[in-house]
Amino acid sequence: QVQLVESGGGLVQPGGSLRLSCAASGSAFSIYTMGWYRQAPGEQRELVAAITSGGATHYRDSVKGRFTISRDNAKNTVYLQMNGLKPEDTAVYFCSGGLLLPSNYWGQGTQVTVSS
C-alpha cells in the first residue's frame, strides 16, 4: 500500500510559478515511475509529466519547456516545477506512482488556479 500526499497548489497570476510536491509512503518509492496528472472541470484526467526510476522524463506537449518533473528518492518525494503558468493550466493536480502508470495509487489532489 502506498499513500501519496500532494501539496503546493494555490492561486497564481498568468506567467507565475508554483512548485508541487508529492510525498510518498513506503520503501518502494525509488523503483516506481511517478506521474503528475491533472483534471479540469468537465474534462478527463490527463497525464502532465512522468519520471521513471532511472530519471527519464516525459511531458505532454502543452507543458514542455514550462514544467519540470523531478524526484528525490531520499525524501520519497516527487516535484513538479511549473513556470509560465497559463489559465488553461487551471486544474486539480494529482500524483500517482507505481511500476506502471496509471497506477492504483493516487493522492487527494491539489488545486492550481491561474487567474488574474
Protein backbone atom coordinates (compact mmCIF):
# COMPACT_ATOMS: atom_id res chain seq x y z
CA GLN A 1 0.00 0.00 0.00
CA VAL A 2 1.31 3.42 -0.99
CA GLN A 3 -0.01 6.70 0.32
CA LEU A 4 0.57 9.88 -1.66
CA VAL A 5 0.09 13.40 -0.34
CA GLU A 6 0.26 16.40 -2.66
CA SER A 7 0.93 19.98 -1.63
CA GLY A 8 1.91 23.30 -3.14
CA GLY A 9 -1.15 24.29 -5.11
CA GLY A 10 -2.71 27.71 -4.99
CA LEU A 11 -3.80 30.80 -6.87
CA VAL A 12 -1.26 32.41 -9.17
CA GLN A 13 -1.37 35.04 -11.88
CA PRO A 14 -0.67 34.14 -15.51
CA GLY A 15 3.06 33.86 -16.05
CA GLY A 16 3.66 32.92 -12.45
CA SER A 17 5.23 29.81 -10.93
CA LEU A 18 4.32 27.10 -8.47
CA ARG A 19 6.10 24.00 -7.23
CA LEU A 20 4.01 20.99 -6.38
CA SER A 21 5.27 18.25 -4.08
CA CYS A 22 4.07 14.70 -3.64
CA ALA A 23 5.29 12.79 -0.61
CA ALA A 24 5.01 9.01 -0.75
CA SER A 25 4.98 6.43 1.98
CA GLY A 26 6.61 3.03 1.72
CA SER A 27 10.03 1.69 0.87
CA ALA A 28 9.47 1.01 -2.84
CA PHE A 29 9.34 4.63 -3.98
CA SER A 30 12.72 4.52 -5.67
CA ILE A 31 11.63 1.81 -8.11
CA TYR A 32 8.31 3.43 -9.03
CA THR A 33 7.53 5.54 -12.04
CA MET A 34 5.87 8.68 -10.72
CA GLY A 35 3.48 10.88 -12.60
CA TRP A 36 1.61 14.13 -12.25
CA TYR A 37 -1.89 14.23 -13.69
CA ARG A 38 -4.45 17.00 -13.81
CA GLN A 39 -8.18 17.23 -14.20
CA ALA A 40 -10.06 20.38 -15.10
CA PRO A 41 -13.82 20.68 -14.50
CA GLY A 42 -15.73 18.68 -17.08
CA GLU A 43 -12.54 17.22 -18.52
CA GLN A 44 -10.84 13.85 -18.32
CA ARG A 45 -7.81 13.36 -16.15
CA GLU A 46 -4.65 13.73 -18.23
CA LEU A 47 -1.00 12.92 -17.72
CA VAL A 48 1.09 16.05 -17.39
CA ALA A 49 4.55 14.64 -16.69
CA ALA A 50 6.19 11.41 -15.58
CA ILE A 51 9.58 10.34 -14.32
CA THR A 52 10.91 6.80 -14.22
CA SER A 53 13.01 5.22 -11.51
CA GLY A 54 16.04 5.92 -13.69
CA GLY A 55 15.19 9.58 -14.10
CA ALA A 56 13.84 9.54 -17.65
CA THR A 57 11.11 12.13 -18.08
CA HIS A 58 8.05 12.57 -20.27
CA TYR A 59 5.88 15.65 -20.73
CA ARG A 60 2.68 16.38 -22.55
CA ASP A 61 3.30 18.79 -25.40
CA SER A 62 1.40 21.69 -23.86
CA VAL A 63 3.75 21.92 -20.85
CA LYS A 64 7.10 21.20 -22.49
CA GLY A 65 9.59 23.92 -21.73
CA ARG A 66 7.47 25.26 -18.86
CA PHE A 67 7.13 22.37 -16.40
CA THR A 68 9.87 20.23 -14.88
CA ILE A 69 9.34 16.97 -13.01
CA SER A 70 11.98 15.75 -10.59
CA ARG A 71 12.31 13.31 -7.73
CA ASP A 72 14.25 12.96 -4.51
CA ASN A 73 14.38 9.29 -3.58
CA ALA A 74 15.96 10.05 -0.20
CA LYS A 75 12.84 12.04 0.68
CA ASN A 76 10.33 9.80 -1.14
CA THR A 77 9.12 12.91 -2.92
CA VAL A 78 8.37 13.90 -6.49
CA TYR A 79 8.11 17.53 -7.56
CA LEU A 80 6.53 19.45 -10.40
CA GLN A 81 8.02 22.88 -11.02
CA MET A 82 5.56 24.89 -13.06
CA ASN A 83 6.71 28.11 -14.70
CA GLY A 84 4.97 30.36 -17.18
CA LEU A 85 1.58 29.26 -15.93
CA LYS A 86 -1.41 29.85 -18.17
CA PRO A 87 -5.14 29.95 -17.37
CA GLU A 88 -5.53 26.65 -19.21
CA ASP A 89 -3.25 25.02 -16.61
CA THR A 90 -6.01 25.51 -14.04
CA ALA A 91 -6.98 22.08 -12.68
CA VAL A 92 -6.72 19.76 -9.73
CA TYR A 93 -3.29 18.14 -9.89
CA PHE A 94 -2.80 14.58 -8.70
CA CYS A 95 0.24 12.41 -8.34
CA SER A 96 0.30 8.70 -8.98
CA GLY A 97 3.03 6.13 -8.71
CA GLY A 98 3.74 2.50 -9.38
CA LEU A 99 5.55 0.08 -11.57
CA LEU A 100 3.32 1.31 -14.41
CA LEU A 101 1.18 4.40 -14.88
CA PRO A 102 -1.61 4.95 -14.26
CA SER A 103 -1.43 3.01 -11.04
CA ASN A 104 -3.93 2.26 -8.33
CA TYR A 105 -2.24 4.73 -6.04
CA TRP A 106 -3.40 8.34 -6.13
CA GLY A 107 -3.11 11.34 -3.89
CA GLN A 108 -6.04 13.52 -2.90
CA GLY A 109 -5.10 16.27 -5.33
CA THR A 110 -4.12 19.91 -5.02
CA GLN A 111 -5.91 22.79 -6.73
CA VAL A 112 -3.97 25.02 -9.09
CA THR A 113 -5.77 28.15 -10.27
CA VAL A 114 -4.19 30.53 -12.77
CA SER A 115 -6.10 33.75 -12.96
CA SER A 116 -5.58 37.50 -12.91
